[in-house]
């Protein structure tokens, strides 16, 4: 019974954090100002902060940041966002390991077509997609998840590898083979 409750709490926390991440990505402007609170669904507020990559590696000392070695044509790193755990979750669960929900999101943008972007998020806590159309696929030699949402115009890749969750959300207009090369280069 204790395992079921623990699994339920982990899934609940993952869903709340994932909701915040999706809200950040889908509702954010082209660039995120420094120290701007981001409001997700159900009033959960997390504090997103734009930082440089070196600072992200320091703040995420609990895991290694695995960066992509291949970017799609004309894509460049636009920003690095460090997100602390939502305050509501931190206060409500006393046994929450805050390091497990710290996350870094790196946005890459197409320099010739700015409406095309890729957000790559990494964190220690394992994330599970629970949408209806989620497909189980192999990503980098491990079981992962893939979701394509035509109504939102995004593709989502999710896998847990070497003690970290890797979560990629990409605008649907990106060349499929180049997107897969990007995902497969994160090792």
N, C-alpha and C. Protein backbone atom coordinates (compact mmCIF):
# COMPACT_ATOMS: atom_id res chain seq x y z
N UNK A 1 0.82 -1.19 0.00
CA UNK A 1 0.00 0.00 0.00
C UNK A 1 0.87 1.26 0.00
N UNK A 2 1.98 1.22 0.78
CA UNK A 2 2.89 2.35 0.83
C UNK A 2 3.49 2.64 -0.53
N UNK A 3 3.83 1.59 -1.29
CA UNK A 3 4.39 1.76 -2.64
C UNK A 3 3.38 2.44 -3.57
N UNK A 4 2.12 2.08 -3.43
CA UNK A 4 1.08 2.66 -4.28
C UNK A 4 0.94 4.14 -3.97
N UNK A 5 0.94 4.50 -2.69
CA UNK A 5 0.83 5.90 -2.30
C UNK A 5 2.05 6.69 -2.79
N UNK A 6 3.23 6.10 -2.61
CA UNK A 6 4.46 6.76 -3.07
C UNK A 6 4.42 6.97 -4.58
N UNK A 7 4.02 5.94 -5.33
CA UNK A 7 3.93 6.03 -6.79
C UNK A 7 2.91 7.11 -7.19
N UNK A 8 1.77 7.14 -6.47
CA UNK A 8 0.74 8.14 -6.74
C UNK A 8 1.29 9.55 -6.52
N UNK A 9 2.01 9.78 -5.41
CA UNK A 9 2.57 11.10 -5.13
C UNK A 9 3.60 11.50 -6.17
N UNK A 10 4.45 10.56 -6.58
CA UNK A 10 5.45 10.87 -7.60
C UNK A 10 4.76 11.24 -8.91
N UNK A 11 3.71 10.48 -9.29
CA UNK A 11 2.98 10.78 -10.51
C UNK A 11 2.29 12.13 -10.40
N UNK A 12 1.68 12.42 -9.25
CA UNK A 12 1.00 13.70 -9.05
C UNK A 12 1.97 14.86 -9.16
N UNK A 13 3.13 14.74 -8.52
CA UNK A 13 4.14 15.79 -8.59
C UNK A 13 4.62 15.97 -10.03
N UNK A 14 4.86 14.84 -10.72
CA UNK A 14 5.30 14.91 -12.12
C UNK A 14 4.28 15.62 -12.98
N UNK A 15 3.00 15.29 -12.78
CA UNK A 15 1.95 15.95 -13.57
C UNK A 15 1.89 17.45 -13.29
N UNK A 16 2.00 17.83 -12.02
CA UNK A 16 1.95 19.25 -11.68
C UNK A 16 3.15 19.99 -12.27
N UNK A 17 4.33 19.40 -12.17
CA UNK A 17 5.53 20.04 -12.73
C UNK A 17 5.45 20.08 -14.24
N UNK A 18 4.96 18.99 -14.86
CA UNK A 18 4.80 18.95 -16.31
C UNK A 18 3.80 20.00 -16.78
N UNK A 19 2.70 20.17 -16.03
CA UNK A 19 1.72 21.20 -16.36
C UNK A 19 2.37 22.57 -16.33
N UNK A 20 3.19 22.82 -15.33
CA UNK A 20 3.91 24.09 -15.24
C UNK A 20 4.85 24.26 -16.43
N UNK A 21 5.58 23.19 -16.78
CA UNK A 21 6.52 23.26 -17.91
C UNK A 21 5.78 23.53 -19.21
N UNK A 22 4.68 22.80 -19.45
CA UNK A 22 3.90 23.04 -20.67
C UNK A 22 3.36 24.46 -20.69
N UNK A 23 2.87 24.93 -19.54
CA UNK A 23 2.36 26.30 -19.47
C UNK A 23 3.43 27.32 -19.77
N UNK A 24 4.63 27.06 -19.27
CA UNK A 24 5.76 27.95 -19.52
C UNK A 24 6.07 28.01 -21.00
N UNK A 25 6.13 26.85 -21.63
CA UNK A 25 6.49 26.78 -23.05
C UNK A 25 5.40 27.37 -23.92
N UNK A 26 4.16 26.97 -23.70
CA UNK A 26 3.09 27.37 -24.61
C UNK A 26 2.56 28.78 -24.37
N UNK A 27 2.73 29.29 -23.17
CA UNK A 27 2.19 30.62 -22.87
C UNK A 27 3.25 31.69 -22.79
N UNK A 28 4.51 31.29 -22.92
CA UNK A 28 5.58 32.28 -22.76
C UNK A 28 5.74 33.13 -24.00
N UNK A 29 6.21 34.36 -23.84
CA UNK A 29 6.50 35.20 -24.99
C UNK A 29 7.78 34.70 -25.67
N UNK A 30 8.20 35.39 -26.73
CA UNK A 30 9.38 34.97 -27.48
C UNK A 30 10.60 34.83 -26.60
N UNK A 31 10.79 35.73 -25.64
CA UNK A 31 11.89 35.61 -24.68
C UNK A 31 11.32 35.77 -23.29
N UNK A 32 11.94 35.13 -22.32
CA UNK A 32 11.47 35.19 -20.95
C UNK A 32 12.34 36.16 -20.17
N UNK A 33 11.77 37.20 -19.57
CA UNK A 33 12.57 38.14 -18.79
C UNK A 33 13.14 37.47 -17.55
N UNK A 34 14.25 38.01 -17.04
CA UNK A 34 14.88 37.46 -15.84
C UNK A 34 13.93 37.54 -14.65
N UNK A 35 13.97 36.50 -13.84
CA UNK A 35 13.22 36.44 -12.58
C UNK A 35 11.74 36.71 -12.73
N UNK A 36 11.16 36.32 -13.82
CA UNK A 36 9.74 36.54 -14.03
C UNK A 36 8.96 35.32 -13.57
N UNK A 37 8.07 35.46 -12.59
CA UNK A 37 7.28 34.31 -12.16
C UNK A 37 6.42 33.81 -13.31
N UNK A 38 6.33 32.50 -13.43
CA UNK A 38 5.54 31.88 -14.48
C UNK A 38 4.38 31.17 -13.81
N UNK A 39 3.19 31.46 -14.26
CA UNK A 39 2.01 30.84 -13.67
C UNK A 39 1.54 29.71 -14.55
N UNK A 40 1.43 28.53 -13.97
CA UNK A 40 0.93 27.36 -14.68
C UNK A 40 -0.52 27.15 -14.34
N UNK A 41 -1.09 26.01 -14.73
CA UNK A 41 -2.47 25.69 -14.44
C UNK A 41 -2.69 25.54 -12.94
N UNK A 42 -3.90 25.75 -12.51
CA UNK A 42 -4.34 25.56 -11.13
C UNK A 42 -3.58 26.45 -10.14
N UNK A 43 -3.08 27.60 -10.55
CA UNK A 43 -2.47 28.54 -9.64
C UNK A 43 -1.09 28.15 -9.14
N UNK A 44 -0.45 27.16 -9.74
CA UNK A 44 0.90 26.79 -9.32
C UNK A 44 1.87 27.78 -9.93
N UNK A 45 2.72 28.35 -9.10
CA UNK A 45 3.66 29.35 -9.59
C UNK A 45 5.08 28.88 -9.35
N UNK A 46 5.87 28.93 -10.41
CA UNK A 46 7.28 28.61 -10.26
C UNK A 46 8.07 29.82 -10.74
N UNK A 47 9.28 29.92 -10.27
CA UNK A 47 10.09 31.07 -10.62
C UNK A 47 11.13 30.66 -11.66
N UNK A 48 10.93 31.12 -12.89
CA UNK A 48 11.87 30.82 -13.96
C UNK A 48 12.87 31.97 -14.07
N UNK A 49 14.13 31.61 -14.25
CA UNK A 49 15.19 32.60 -14.31
C UNK A 49 16.09 32.30 -15.50
N UNK A 50 16.31 33.29 -16.36
CA UNK A 50 17.21 33.12 -17.49
C UNK A 50 18.65 33.24 -16.98
N UNK A 51 19.46 32.22 -17.31
CA UNK A 51 20.84 32.16 -16.85
C UNK A 51 21.73 31.72 -18.00
N UNK A 52 23.05 31.66 -17.75
CA UNK A 52 23.93 31.13 -18.79
C UNK A 52 24.16 29.64 -18.53
N UNK A 53 24.70 28.95 -19.52
CA UNK A 53 24.87 27.50 -19.45
C UNK A 53 25.80 27.08 -18.31
N UNK A 54 26.84 27.82 -18.06
CA UNK A 54 27.78 27.50 -16.99
C UNK A 54 27.07 27.54 -15.63
N UNK A 55 26.25 28.56 -15.43
CA UNK A 55 25.49 28.68 -14.18
C UNK A 55 24.48 27.54 -14.06
N UNK A 56 23.88 27.13 -15.17
CA UNK A 56 22.93 26.01 -15.16
C UNK A 56 23.62 24.74 -14.68
N UNK A 57 24.83 24.49 -15.16
CA UNK A 57 25.57 23.30 -14.74
C UNK A 57 25.85 23.33 -13.24
N UNK A 58 26.13 24.51 -12.70
CA UNK A 58 26.38 24.65 -11.27
C UNK A 58 25.10 24.42 -10.47
N UNK A 59 23.99 25.02 -10.89
CA UNK A 59 22.73 24.89 -10.17
C UNK A 59 22.17 23.47 -10.24
N UNK A 60 22.48 22.76 -11.31
CA UNK A 60 21.99 21.39 -11.49
C UNK A 60 23.08 20.40 -11.11
N UNK A 61 23.78 20.67 -10.02
CA UNK A 61 24.89 19.81 -9.63
C UNK A 61 24.47 18.39 -9.29
N UNK A 62 23.15 18.16 -9.15
CA UNK A 62 22.68 16.82 -8.83
C UNK A 62 22.64 15.90 -10.05
N UNK A 63 22.75 16.44 -11.26
CA UNK A 63 22.79 15.63 -12.48
C UNK A 63 23.74 16.27 -13.48
N UNK A 64 24.17 15.47 -14.44
CA UNK A 64 24.98 16.01 -15.54
C UNK A 64 24.03 16.50 -16.62
N UNK A 65 24.31 17.69 -17.14
CA UNK A 65 23.53 18.19 -18.27
C UNK A 65 24.05 17.52 -19.53
N UNK A 66 23.17 16.83 -20.23
CA UNK A 66 23.53 16.18 -21.48
C UNK A 66 23.00 17.06 -22.61
N UNK A 67 23.90 17.74 -23.28
CA UNK A 67 23.49 18.66 -24.32
C UNK A 67 23.49 17.98 -25.68
N UNK A 68 22.62 18.44 -26.59
CA UNK A 68 22.63 17.86 -27.93
C UNK A 68 23.92 18.22 -28.66
N UNK A 69 24.43 17.28 -29.43
CA UNK A 69 25.63 17.56 -30.22
C UNK A 69 25.28 17.90 -31.66
N UNK A 70 24.00 17.73 -32.02
CA UNK A 70 23.53 18.04 -33.37
C UNK A 70 22.32 18.96 -33.28
N UNK A 71 22.37 20.07 -33.99
CA UNK A 71 21.23 20.98 -34.07
C UNK A 71 20.68 20.96 -35.49
N UNK A 72 19.36 21.12 -35.66
CA UNK A 72 18.81 21.24 -37.01
C UNK A 72 19.42 22.46 -37.72
N UNK A 73 19.39 22.45 -39.04
CA UNK A 73 19.93 23.55 -39.84
C UNK A 73 19.35 24.89 -39.36
N UNK A 74 20.21 25.88 -39.24
CA UNK A 74 19.85 27.25 -38.88
C UNK A 74 19.37 27.43 -37.44
N UNK A 75 19.50 26.43 -36.59
CA UNK A 75 19.10 26.56 -35.20
C UNK A 75 20.28 26.99 -34.35
N UNK A 76 19.99 27.86 -33.37
CA UNK A 76 20.99 28.31 -32.41
C UNK A 76 20.35 28.34 -31.03
N UNK A 77 21.20 28.18 -30.02
CA UNK A 77 20.72 28.29 -28.65
C UNK A 77 20.26 29.71 -28.40
N UNK A 78 19.03 29.87 -27.91
CA UNK A 78 18.49 31.20 -27.66
C UNK A 78 18.55 31.57 -26.18
N UNK A 79 18.19 30.63 -25.31
CA UNK A 79 18.17 30.94 -23.88
C UNK A 79 18.29 29.68 -23.04
N UNK A 80 18.71 29.88 -21.79
CA UNK A 80 18.78 28.81 -20.81
C UNK A 80 17.95 29.29 -19.62
N UNK A 81 16.96 28.50 -19.23
CA UNK A 81 16.06 28.89 -18.15
C UNK A 81 16.15 27.87 -17.03
N UNK A 82 16.45 28.36 -15.84
CA UNK A 82 16.49 27.52 -14.64
C UNK A 82 15.18 27.71 -13.91
N UNK A 83 14.53 26.60 -13.55
CA UNK A 83 13.24 26.67 -12.90
C UNK A 83 13.31 25.95 -11.56
N UNK A 84 12.93 26.66 -10.51
CA UNK A 84 12.90 26.06 -9.18
C UNK A 84 11.56 25.39 -8.95
N UNK A 85 11.48 24.51 -7.96
CA UNK A 85 10.22 23.81 -7.71
C UNK A 85 9.10 24.79 -7.39
N UNK A 86 7.89 24.51 -7.87
CA UNK A 86 6.75 25.36 -7.51
C UNK A 86 6.59 25.42 -6.00
N UNK A 87 6.42 26.61 -5.48
CA UNK A 87 6.33 26.84 -4.03
C UNK A 87 5.21 26.03 -3.39
N UNK A 88 4.08 25.93 -4.08
CA UNK A 88 2.94 25.20 -3.54
C UNK A 88 3.27 23.73 -3.30
N UNK A 89 4.05 23.13 -4.20
CA UNK A 89 4.44 21.73 -4.05
C UNK A 89 5.46 21.59 -2.93
N UNK A 90 6.44 22.48 -2.89
CA UNK A 90 7.49 22.40 -1.86
C UNK A 90 6.90 22.47 -0.47
N UNK A 91 5.92 23.33 -0.25
CA UNK A 91 5.33 23.50 1.07
C UNK A 91 4.38 22.36 1.43
N UNK A 92 3.70 21.78 0.45
CA UNK A 92 2.69 20.78 0.75
C UNK A 92 3.27 19.39 1.00
N UNK A 93 4.44 19.11 0.46
CA UNK A 93 5.05 17.80 0.66
C UNK A 93 6.36 17.94 1.42
N UNK A 94 6.36 17.60 2.66
CA UNK A 94 7.53 17.79 3.51
C UNK A 94 8.72 16.95 3.07
N UNK A 95 8.46 15.77 2.52
CA UNK A 95 9.53 14.86 2.14
C UNK A 95 10.01 15.06 0.71
N UNK A 96 9.60 16.14 0.08
CA UNK A 96 10.00 16.39 -1.30
C UNK A 96 11.49 16.69 -1.39
N UNK A 97 12.16 15.98 -2.24
CA UNK A 97 13.56 16.26 -2.52
C UNK A 97 13.59 17.34 -3.60
N UNK A 98 13.84 18.57 -3.19
CA UNK A 98 13.77 19.68 -4.13
C UNK A 98 14.74 19.55 -5.29
N UNK A 99 15.89 18.90 -5.08
CA UNK A 99 16.83 18.70 -6.18
C UNK A 99 16.21 17.89 -7.31
N UNK A 100 15.27 17.01 -6.98
CA UNK A 100 14.68 16.15 -8.01
C UNK A 100 13.75 16.92 -8.95
N UNK A 101 13.25 18.08 -8.53
CA UNK A 101 12.34 18.83 -9.39
C UNK A 101 12.95 20.11 -9.97
N UNK A 102 14.21 20.39 -9.62
CA UNK A 102 14.89 21.51 -10.28
C UNK A 102 15.05 21.14 -11.75
N UNK A 103 14.91 22.13 -12.62
CA UNK A 103 15.04 21.81 -14.05
C UNK A 103 15.69 22.95 -14.80
N UNK A 104 16.32 22.57 -15.92
CA UNK A 104 16.89 23.54 -16.83
C UNK A 104 16.27 23.29 -18.20
N UNK A 105 15.78 24.36 -18.80
CA UNK A 105 15.23 24.29 -20.15
C UNK A 105 16.08 25.15 -21.06
N UNK A 106 16.53 24.56 -22.15
CA UNK A 106 17.31 25.29 -23.13
C UNK A 106 16.47 25.43 -24.38
N UNK A 107 16.27 26.66 -24.82
CA UNK A 107 15.49 26.92 -26.04
C UNK A 107 16.44 27.13 -27.20
N UNK A 108 16.14 26.42 -28.28
CA UNK A 108 16.85 26.58 -29.55
C UNK A 108 15.84 27.13 -30.55
N UNK A 109 16.27 28.11 -31.37
CA UNK A 109 15.34 28.73 -32.33
C UNK A 109 15.96 28.74 -33.72
N UNK A 110 15.10 28.52 -34.70
CA UNK A 110 15.50 28.58 -36.10
C UNK A 110 15.73 30.06 -36.45
N UNK A 111 16.94 30.37 -36.91
CA UNK A 111 17.30 31.76 -37.22
C UNK A 111 16.66 32.26 -38.51
N UNK A 112 16.22 31.36 -39.39
CA UNK A 112 15.57 31.78 -40.64
C UNK A 112 14.05 31.73 -40.54
N UNK A 113 13.51 30.92 -39.63
CA UNK A 113 12.06 30.83 -39.41
C UNK A 113 11.82 30.84 -37.90
N UNK A 114 11.76 32.06 -37.29
CA UNK A 114 11.69 32.18 -35.83
C UNK A 114 10.51 31.49 -35.15
N UNK A 115 9.48 31.13 -35.91
CA UNK A 115 8.35 30.43 -35.29
C UNK A 115 8.69 28.97 -35.01
N UNK A 116 9.81 28.46 -35.52
CA UNK A 116 10.25 27.09 -35.22
C UNK A 116 11.22 27.12 -34.05
N UNK A 117 10.93 26.33 -33.04
CA UNK A 117 11.76 26.28 -31.84
C UNK A 117 11.77 24.87 -31.27
N UNK A 118 12.77 24.61 -30.45
CA UNK A 118 12.88 23.35 -29.70
C UNK A 118 13.24 23.71 -28.27
N UNK A 119 12.49 23.18 -27.31
CA UNK A 119 12.82 23.34 -25.90
C UNK A 119 13.26 21.99 -25.37
N UNK A 120 14.44 21.97 -24.76
CA UNK A 120 14.99 20.75 -24.17
C UNK A 120 15.10 20.95 -22.67
N UNK A 121 14.35 20.15 -21.90
CA UNK A 121 14.34 20.25 -20.45
C UNK A 121 14.98 19.00 -19.85
N UNK A 122 15.79 19.21 -18.82
CA UNK A 122 16.37 18.08 -18.10
C UNK A 122 16.17 18.30 -16.60
N UNK A 123 15.89 17.21 -15.91
CA UNK A 123 15.70 17.23 -14.46
C UNK A 123 15.93 15.82 -13.93
N UNK A 124 16.10 15.70 -12.62
CA UNK A 124 16.37 14.40 -12.01
C UNK A 124 15.10 13.56 -11.93
N UNK A 125 13.98 14.16 -11.57
CA UNK A 125 12.72 13.42 -11.39
C UNK A 125 12.25 12.82 -12.71
N UNK A 126 11.84 11.58 -12.66
CA UNK A 126 11.35 10.92 -13.86
C UNK A 126 9.96 11.46 -14.22
N UNK A 127 9.78 11.76 -15.49
CA UNK A 127 8.53 12.32 -16.00
C UNK A 127 7.81 11.24 -16.80
N UNK A 128 6.50 11.13 -16.65
CA UNK A 128 5.70 10.24 -17.47
C UNK A 128 4.63 11.05 -18.17
N UNK A 129 4.53 10.89 -19.48
CA UNK A 129 3.44 11.51 -20.22
C UNK A 129 2.21 10.62 -20.06
N UNK A 130 1.06 11.22 -19.78
CA UNK A 130 -0.15 10.44 -19.54
C UNK A 130 -1.24 10.74 -20.56
N UNK A 131 -0.92 11.47 -21.61
CA UNK A 131 -1.91 11.78 -22.65
C UNK A 131 -2.36 10.52 -23.36
N UNK A 132 -3.52 10.58 -24.00
CA UNK A 132 -4.09 9.41 -24.67
C UNK A 132 -3.23 8.88 -25.81
N UNK A 133 -2.64 9.74 -26.60
CA UNK A 133 -1.95 9.32 -27.81
C UNK A 133 -0.44 9.11 -27.64
N UNK A 134 0.01 8.92 -26.41
CA UNK A 134 1.43 8.71 -26.15
C UNK A 134 1.85 7.34 -26.69
N UNK A 135 2.97 7.33 -27.42
CA UNK A 135 3.52 6.08 -27.96
C UNK A 135 4.80 5.75 -27.21
N UNK A 136 4.97 4.48 -26.89
CA UNK A 136 6.20 4.00 -26.27
C UNK A 136 7.20 3.73 -27.40
N UNK A 137 8.36 4.36 -27.34
CA UNK A 137 9.38 4.19 -28.38
C UNK A 137 10.75 4.06 -27.73
N UNK A 138 11.73 3.63 -28.52
CA UNK A 138 13.09 3.59 -28.02
C UNK A 138 13.79 4.89 -28.41
N UNK A 139 14.40 5.51 -27.40
CA UNK A 139 15.18 6.74 -27.62
C UNK A 139 16.53 6.53 -26.96
N UNK A 140 17.59 6.64 -27.71
CA UNK A 140 18.95 6.49 -27.18
C UNK A 140 19.14 5.20 -26.38
N UNK A 141 18.53 4.12 -26.87
CA UNK A 141 18.72 2.81 -26.26
C UNK A 141 17.87 2.51 -25.04
N UNK A 142 16.97 3.42 -24.66
CA UNK A 142 16.08 3.18 -23.52
C UNK A 142 14.63 3.40 -23.96
N UNK A 143 13.71 2.84 -23.17
CA UNK A 143 12.30 3.03 -23.47
C UNK A 143 11.90 4.47 -23.16
N UNK A 144 11.27 5.12 -24.10
CA UNK A 144 10.84 6.50 -23.92
C UNK A 144 9.42 6.68 -24.43
N UNK A 145 9.01 7.93 -24.51
CA UNK A 145 7.65 8.26 -24.95
C UNK A 145 7.70 9.31 -26.05
N UNK A 146 6.71 9.23 -26.94
CA UNK A 146 6.58 10.20 -28.03
C UNK A 146 5.11 10.60 -28.13
N UNK A 147 4.89 11.89 -28.31
CA UNK A 147 3.53 12.41 -28.47
C UNK A 147 3.55 13.48 -29.54
N UNK A 148 2.64 13.37 -30.48
CA UNK A 148 2.48 14.43 -31.47
C UNK A 148 1.08 15.01 -31.29
N UNK A 149 1.02 16.31 -31.08
CA UNK A 149 -0.25 17.00 -30.91
C UNK A 149 -0.43 17.95 -32.10
N UNK A 150 -1.22 17.52 -33.05
CA UNK A 150 -1.45 18.35 -34.24
C UNK A 150 -2.21 19.63 -33.89
N UNK A 151 -3.14 19.54 -32.92
CA UNK A 151 -3.91 20.74 -32.54
C UNK A 151 -3.04 21.79 -31.85
N UNK A 152 -2.01 21.38 -31.12
CA UNK A 152 -1.10 22.33 -30.50
C UNK A 152 0.12 22.59 -31.37
N UNK A 153 0.30 21.79 -32.42
CA UNK A 153 1.42 21.98 -33.34
C UNK A 153 2.77 21.66 -32.73
N UNK A 154 2.80 20.62 -31.86
CA UNK A 154 4.06 20.26 -31.20
C UNK A 154 4.31 18.75 -31.29
N UNK A 155 5.58 18.40 -31.11
CA UNK A 155 6.01 17.01 -30.96
C UNK A 155 6.78 16.94 -29.64
N UNK A 156 6.55 15.87 -28.88
CA UNK A 156 7.15 15.73 -27.57
C UNK A 156 7.89 14.39 -27.48
N UNK A 157 9.12 14.45 -26.98
CA UNK A 157 9.94 13.26 -26.74
C UNK A 157 10.30 13.26 -25.26
N UNK A 158 10.23 12.10 -24.63
CA UNK A 158 10.49 12.01 -23.20
C UNK A 158 11.18 10.68 -22.89
N UNK A 159 12.32 10.74 -22.15
CA UNK A 159 12.99 9.52 -21.73
C UNK A 159 13.81 9.79 -20.49
N UNK A 160 14.10 8.73 -19.75
CA UNK A 160 14.91 8.82 -18.53
C UNK A 160 16.17 8.01 -18.77
N UNK A 161 17.33 8.65 -18.59
CA UNK A 161 18.60 8.01 -18.91
C UNK A 161 19.69 8.54 -18.00
N UNK A 162 20.49 7.65 -17.44
CA UNK A 162 21.62 8.00 -16.57
C UNK A 162 21.20 8.95 -15.44
N UNK A 163 20.07 8.64 -14.79
CA UNK A 163 19.63 9.39 -13.62
C UNK A 163 18.99 10.73 -13.90
N UNK A 164 18.61 10.98 -15.15
CA UNK A 164 17.97 12.27 -15.49
C UNK A 164 16.85 12.06 -16.50
N UNK A 165 15.83 12.90 -16.38
CA UNK A 165 14.77 12.91 -17.39
C UNK A 165 15.15 13.90 -18.48
N UNK A 166 14.87 13.52 -19.69
CA UNK A 166 15.14 14.36 -20.86
C UNK A 166 13.80 14.55 -21.55
N UNK A 167 13.44 15.81 -21.78
CA UNK A 167 12.12 16.15 -22.28
C UNK A 167 12.28 17.18 -23.38
N UNK A 168 11.89 16.82 -24.60
CA UNK A 168 12.03 17.72 -25.75
C UNK A 168 10.64 18.04 -26.29
N UNK A 169 10.35 19.33 -26.40
CA UNK A 169 9.12 19.80 -27.05
C UNK A 169 9.56 20.61 -28.26
N UNK A 170 9.01 20.28 -29.42
CA UNK A 170 9.42 20.97 -30.64
C UNK A 170 8.21 21.39 -31.45
N UNK A 171 8.32 22.53 -32.09
CA UNK A 171 7.29 23.01 -33.01
C UNK A 171 7.22 22.04 -34.18
N UNK A 172 6.04 21.72 -34.64
CA UNK A 172 5.85 20.69 -35.66
C UNK A 172 6.45 21.01 -37.03
N UNK A 173 6.83 22.23 -37.32
CA UNK A 173 7.33 22.58 -38.64
C UNK A 173 8.78 22.21 -38.91
N UNK A 174 9.44 21.54 -37.99
CA UNK A 174 10.86 21.21 -38.13
C UNK A 174 11.00 19.89 -38.87
N UNK A 175 12.00 19.82 -39.77
CA UNK A 175 12.26 18.60 -40.53
C UNK A 175 12.37 17.40 -39.60
N UNK A 176 11.59 16.35 -39.88
CA UNK A 176 11.51 15.17 -39.01
C UNK A 176 12.87 14.50 -38.77
N UNK A 177 13.65 14.32 -39.83
CA UNK A 177 14.95 13.64 -39.65
C UNK A 177 15.92 14.50 -38.84
N UNK A 178 15.88 15.81 -39.04
CA UNK A 178 16.75 16.69 -38.25
C UNK A 178 16.32 16.74 -36.79
N UNK A 179 15.02 16.65 -36.54
CA UNK A 179 14.52 16.62 -35.16
C UNK A 179 14.98 15.33 -34.47
N UNK A 180 14.89 14.20 -35.17
CA UNK A 180 15.36 12.93 -34.61
C UNK A 180 16.87 12.95 -34.37
N UNK A 181 17.62 13.56 -35.28
CA UNK A 181 19.07 13.68 -35.08
C UNK A 181 19.37 14.49 -33.82
N UNK A 182 18.61 15.56 -33.59
CA UNK A 182 18.75 16.38 -32.38
C UNK A 182 18.50 15.53 -31.14
N UNK A 183 17.36 14.83 -31.11
CA UNK A 183 16.99 14.02 -29.95
C UNK A 183 18.03 12.92 -29.70
N UNK A 184 18.44 12.23 -30.75
CA UNK A 184 19.39 11.12 -30.60
C UNK A 184 20.80 11.58 -30.25
N UNK A 185 21.08 12.86 -30.41
CA UNK A 185 22.42 13.36 -30.08
C UNK A 185 22.55 13.74 -28.60
N UNK A 186 21.45 13.68 -27.85
CA UNK A 186 21.48 13.98 -26.42
C UNK A 186 21.87 12.70 -25.69
N UNK A 187 23.13 12.61 -25.29
CA UNK A 187 23.62 11.37 -24.64
C UNK A 187 24.41 11.67 -23.40
